[in-house]
N, C-alpha and C. Protein backbone atom coordinates (compact mmCIF):
# COMPACT_ATOMS: atom_id res chain seq x y z
N UNK A 1 -106.59 91.04 -73.68
CA UNK A 1 -105.15 91.54 -74.43
C UNK A 1 -105.72 92.73 -75.01
N UNK A 2 -106.90 92.47 -76.11
CA UNK A 2 -107.46 94.09 -76.61
C UNK A 2 -107.54 95.30 -75.10
N UNK A 3 -107.90 94.83 -74.57
CA UNK A 3 -107.98 95.87 -73.32
C UNK A 3 -107.15 96.71 -72.98
N UNK A 4 -106.05 96.04 -72.91
CA UNK A 4 -104.41 96.49 -72.34
C UNK A 4 -104.29 97.54 -73.54
N UNK A 5 -104.05 97.19 -74.81
CA UNK A 5 -103.79 98.19 -76.28
C UNK A 5 -104.51 99.61 -75.94
N UNK A 6 -106.15 98.95 -75.40
CA UNK A 6 -106.73 100.16 -75.48
C UNK A 6 -106.95 100.88 -74.27
N UNK A 7 -105.79 100.82 -73.06
CA UNK A 7 -105.32 101.32 -71.67
C UNK A 7 -104.50 102.25 -72.36
N UNK A 8 -103.32 101.17 -72.82
CA UNK A 8 -102.21 101.93 -73.07
C UNK A 8 -102.25 103.11 -73.87
N UNK A 9 -103.18 102.88 -75.32
CA UNK A 9 -103.54 104.35 -75.69
C UNK A 9 -104.47 105.59 -75.72
N UNK A 10 -104.78 104.93 -74.62
CA UNK A 10 -105.89 106.28 -73.73
C UNK A 10 -105.61 106.83 -72.49
N UNK A 11 -105.00 105.66 -72.25
CA UNK A 11 -103.63 106.38 -70.75
C UNK A 11 -102.38 107.66 -71.30
N UNK A 12 -102.34 107.04 -72.54
CA UNK A 12 -100.35 107.74 -72.43
C UNK A 12 -101.55 109.42 -73.76
N UNK A 13 -102.49 109.09 -74.24
CA UNK A 13 -103.62 110.13 -74.90
C UNK A 13 -103.75 111.17 -73.94
N UNK A 14 -103.94 110.60 -72.90
CA UNK A 14 -105.19 111.27 -71.59
C UNK A 14 -103.40 111.93 -71.58
N UNK A 15 -102.86 111.09 -70.93
CA UNK A 15 -101.47 111.64 -70.06
C UNK A 15 -101.33 113.07 -70.07
N UNK A 16 -100.64 112.26 -71.45
CA UNK A 16 -100.77 113.54 -73.07
C UNK A 16 -101.31 115.04 -72.70
N UNK A 17 -102.84 115.26 -72.68
CA UNK A 17 -103.52 115.59 -72.41
C UNK A 17 -104.05 116.48 -71.08
N UNK A 18 -103.56 115.57 -70.19
CA UNK A 18 -103.49 115.90 -68.72
C UNK A 18 -102.49 117.02 -68.44
N UNK A 19 -101.14 117.07 -69.09
CA UNK A 19 -99.88 117.66 -69.17
C UNK A 19 -99.94 118.96 -69.68
N UNK A 20 -100.73 118.63 -71.04
CA UNK A 20 -101.15 120.01 -71.72
C UNK A 20 -102.43 120.63 -71.53
N UNK A 21 -102.89 120.70 -69.82
CA UNK A 21 -103.83 121.48 -69.72
C UNK A 21 -103.30 121.90 -68.66
N UNK A 22 -102.20 121.09 -67.74
CA UNK A 22 -102.13 121.81 -66.22
C UNK A 22 -100.83 122.83 -66.65
N UNK A 23 -99.62 122.50 -67.49
CA UNK A 23 -99.25 123.71 -68.39
C UNK A 23 -99.77 124.56 -68.76
N UNK A 24 -100.65 125.14 -69.30
CA UNK A 24 -101.73 125.98 -69.98
C UNK A 24 -102.09 126.79 -68.88
N UNK A 25 -103.01 126.16 -67.58
CA UNK A 25 -103.51 126.49 -66.74
C UNK A 25 -102.32 127.32 -65.97
N UNK A 26 -101.22 127.00 -65.76
CA UNK A 26 -100.48 126.92 -64.71
C UNK A 26 -99.43 128.65 -64.80
N UNK A 27 -100.15 128.89 -66.55
CA UNK A 27 -99.45 130.23 -67.19
C UNK A 27 -101.00 131.50 -65.74
N UNK A 28 -102.18 131.14 -65.33
CA UNK A 28 -103.18 131.62 -64.77
C UNK A 28 -102.53 132.42 -63.86
N UNK A 29 -101.14 131.04 -63.35
CA UNK A 29 -101.21 131.21 -61.65
C UNK A 29 -100.68 132.61 -61.21
N UNK A 30 -99.88 133.61 -62.12
CA UNK A 30 -99.75 134.75 -61.53
C UNK A 30 -100.48 135.55 -61.23
N UNK A 31 -101.77 135.65 -62.50
CA UNK A 31 -103.08 135.90 -61.76
C UNK A 31 -103.85 136.48 -60.21
N UNK A 32 -103.49 134.58 -60.08
CA UNK A 32 -103.73 134.30 -58.71
C UNK A 32 -103.60 135.04 -57.43
N UNK A 33 -102.38 135.64 -58.07
CA UNK A 33 -101.61 135.96 -55.93
C UNK A 33 -100.44 136.16 -56.49
N UNK A 34 -100.26 137.77 -55.59
CA UNK A 34 -98.74 138.15 -55.56
C UNK A 34 -98.13 137.55 -55.39
N UNK A 35 -96.36 138.44 -54.97
CA UNK A 35 -95.49 137.52 -54.86
C UNK A 35 -95.81 136.95 -53.13
N UNK A 36 -96.02 137.46 -52.73
CA UNK A 36 -96.37 136.93 -50.78
C UNK A 36 -96.45 135.89 -50.67
N UNK A 37 -98.02 135.84 -52.04
CA UNK A 37 -98.82 134.37 -51.73
C UNK A 37 -98.02 133.14 -52.70
N UNK A 38 -97.75 134.03 -53.62
CA UNK A 38 -97.53 132.78 -55.19
C UNK A 38 -97.00 131.41 -54.62
N UNK A 39 -95.59 131.51 -54.07
CA UNK A 39 -95.30 130.40 -53.81
C UNK A 39 -96.31 129.22 -53.36
N UNK A 40 -97.49 129.88 -52.49
CA UNK A 40 -98.56 128.96 -51.83
C UNK A 40 -99.44 128.76 -52.51
N UNK A 41 -99.72 129.39 -53.41
CA UNK A 41 -100.50 129.11 -54.98
C UNK A 41 -99.98 127.64 -56.06
N UNK A 42 -98.48 128.44 -55.86
CA UNK A 42 -98.08 127.24 -57.00
C UNK A 42 -97.50 126.10 -56.07
N UNK A 43 -97.38 126.39 -54.71
CA UNK A 43 -97.45 124.66 -53.99
C UNK A 43 -98.58 124.12 -54.04
N UNK A 44 -100.08 124.59 -54.05
CA UNK A 44 -101.35 124.10 -53.54
C UNK A 44 -101.71 123.48 -55.43
N UNK A 45 -101.61 124.08 -56.66
CA UNK A 45 -102.01 123.72 -57.79
C UNK A 45 -101.13 123.23 -58.20
N UNK A 46 -99.89 122.39 -58.16
CA UNK A 46 -99.00 121.67 -58.60
C UNK A 46 -98.73 120.17 -57.67
N UNK A 47 -99.12 120.58 -56.43
CA UNK A 47 -99.92 119.25 -55.38
C UNK A 47 -101.09 118.80 -55.77
N UNK A 48 -102.17 119.81 -56.08
CA UNK A 48 -103.41 118.95 -56.67
C UNK A 48 -102.59 118.11 -58.45
N UNK A 49 -103.17 118.83 -59.05
CA UNK A 49 -101.88 117.98 -60.04
C UNK A 49 -101.09 117.13 -60.57
N UNK A 50 -100.54 116.67 -59.30
CA UNK A 50 -99.37 116.31 -59.33
C UNK A 50 -100.56 114.77 -58.72
N UNK A 51 -101.62 114.59 -57.89
CA UNK A 51 -102.44 113.89 -57.05
C UNK A 51 -103.63 113.45 -57.68
N UNK A 52 -104.01 114.38 -59.03
CA UNK A 52 -105.68 114.01 -59.54
C UNK A 52 -105.41 113.31 -60.33
N UNK A 53 -104.72 112.95 -61.23
CA UNK A 53 -104.48 112.08 -62.49
C UNK A 53 -104.35 111.03 -62.18
N UNK A 54 -104.29 110.42 -60.67
CA UNK A 54 -104.32 108.88 -60.72
C UNK A 54 -105.29 108.55 -59.90
N UNK A 55 -106.44 109.42 -60.11
CA UNK A 55 -107.80 108.56 -59.92
C UNK A 55 -108.50 108.10 -61.37
N UNK A 56 -108.61 108.72 -62.67
CA UNK A 56 -108.52 108.11 -63.72
C UNK A 56 -107.16 107.01 -63.60
N UNK A 57 -106.52 107.43 -63.43
CA UNK A 57 -105.26 105.93 -64.02
C UNK A 57 -105.56 104.32 -63.28
N UNK A 58 -106.00 105.39 -62.11
CA UNK A 58 -106.79 103.74 -61.09
C UNK A 58 -107.75 103.14 -62.06
N UNK A 59 -109.18 103.88 -62.34
CA UNK A 59 -109.65 103.25 -63.42
C UNK A 59 -109.56 102.54 -64.54
N UNK A 60 -108.86 103.54 -65.52
CA UNK A 60 -108.17 102.44 -66.62
C UNK A 60 -107.75 101.56 -65.72
N UNK A 61 -106.52 100.82 -64.78
CA UNK A 61 -106.00 99.75 -64.52
C UNK A 61 -107.42 98.58 -63.73
N UNK A 62 -108.13 99.13 -63.34
CA UNK A 62 -109.37 98.57 -62.90
C UNK A 62 -110.07 97.75 -64.14
N UNK A 63 -110.05 98.59 -64.92
CA UNK A 63 -110.82 98.37 -66.45
C UNK A 63 -109.96 97.11 -66.65
N UNK A 64 -108.79 97.24 -67.30
CA UNK A 64 -107.59 96.39 -67.51
C UNK A 64 -108.38 94.95 -67.12
N UNK A 65 -108.04 95.35 -65.33
CA UNK A 65 -107.91 93.67 -64.96
C UNK A 65 -109.04 93.03 -64.85
N UNK A 66 -110.25 93.48 -64.39
CA UNK A 66 -111.49 92.94 -64.97
C UNK A 66 -111.78 92.48 -66.12
N UNK A 67 -111.07 93.14 -67.11
CA UNK A 67 -111.50 92.46 -68.45
C UNK A 67 -110.56 91.42 -68.52
N UNK A 68 -109.69 90.57 -67.83
CA UNK A 68 -108.76 89.54 -67.94
C UNK A 68 -109.25 88.58 -66.80
N UNK A 69 -110.39 88.21 -66.27
CA UNK A 69 -111.11 87.40 -65.73
C UNK A 69 -111.07 87.55 -63.93
N UNK A 70 -109.71 87.99 -63.33
CA UNK A 70 -109.71 88.49 -62.35
C UNK A 70 -110.56 88.63 -61.68
């Protein structure tokens, strides 16, 4: 049961930090590409940001489940 609480706190805190990092980095996007390619740079950035959080979340979930004896 302790692992679930630890995972919840770490997961929520980590996700909030991740979102803050993505928001901070998004301010750099206009400097990377000018209007003709700006939409493509935005799409690639937000697609990657939307997928990359899954890997640490998966690790955290696996860690909790292993602690339950499964």
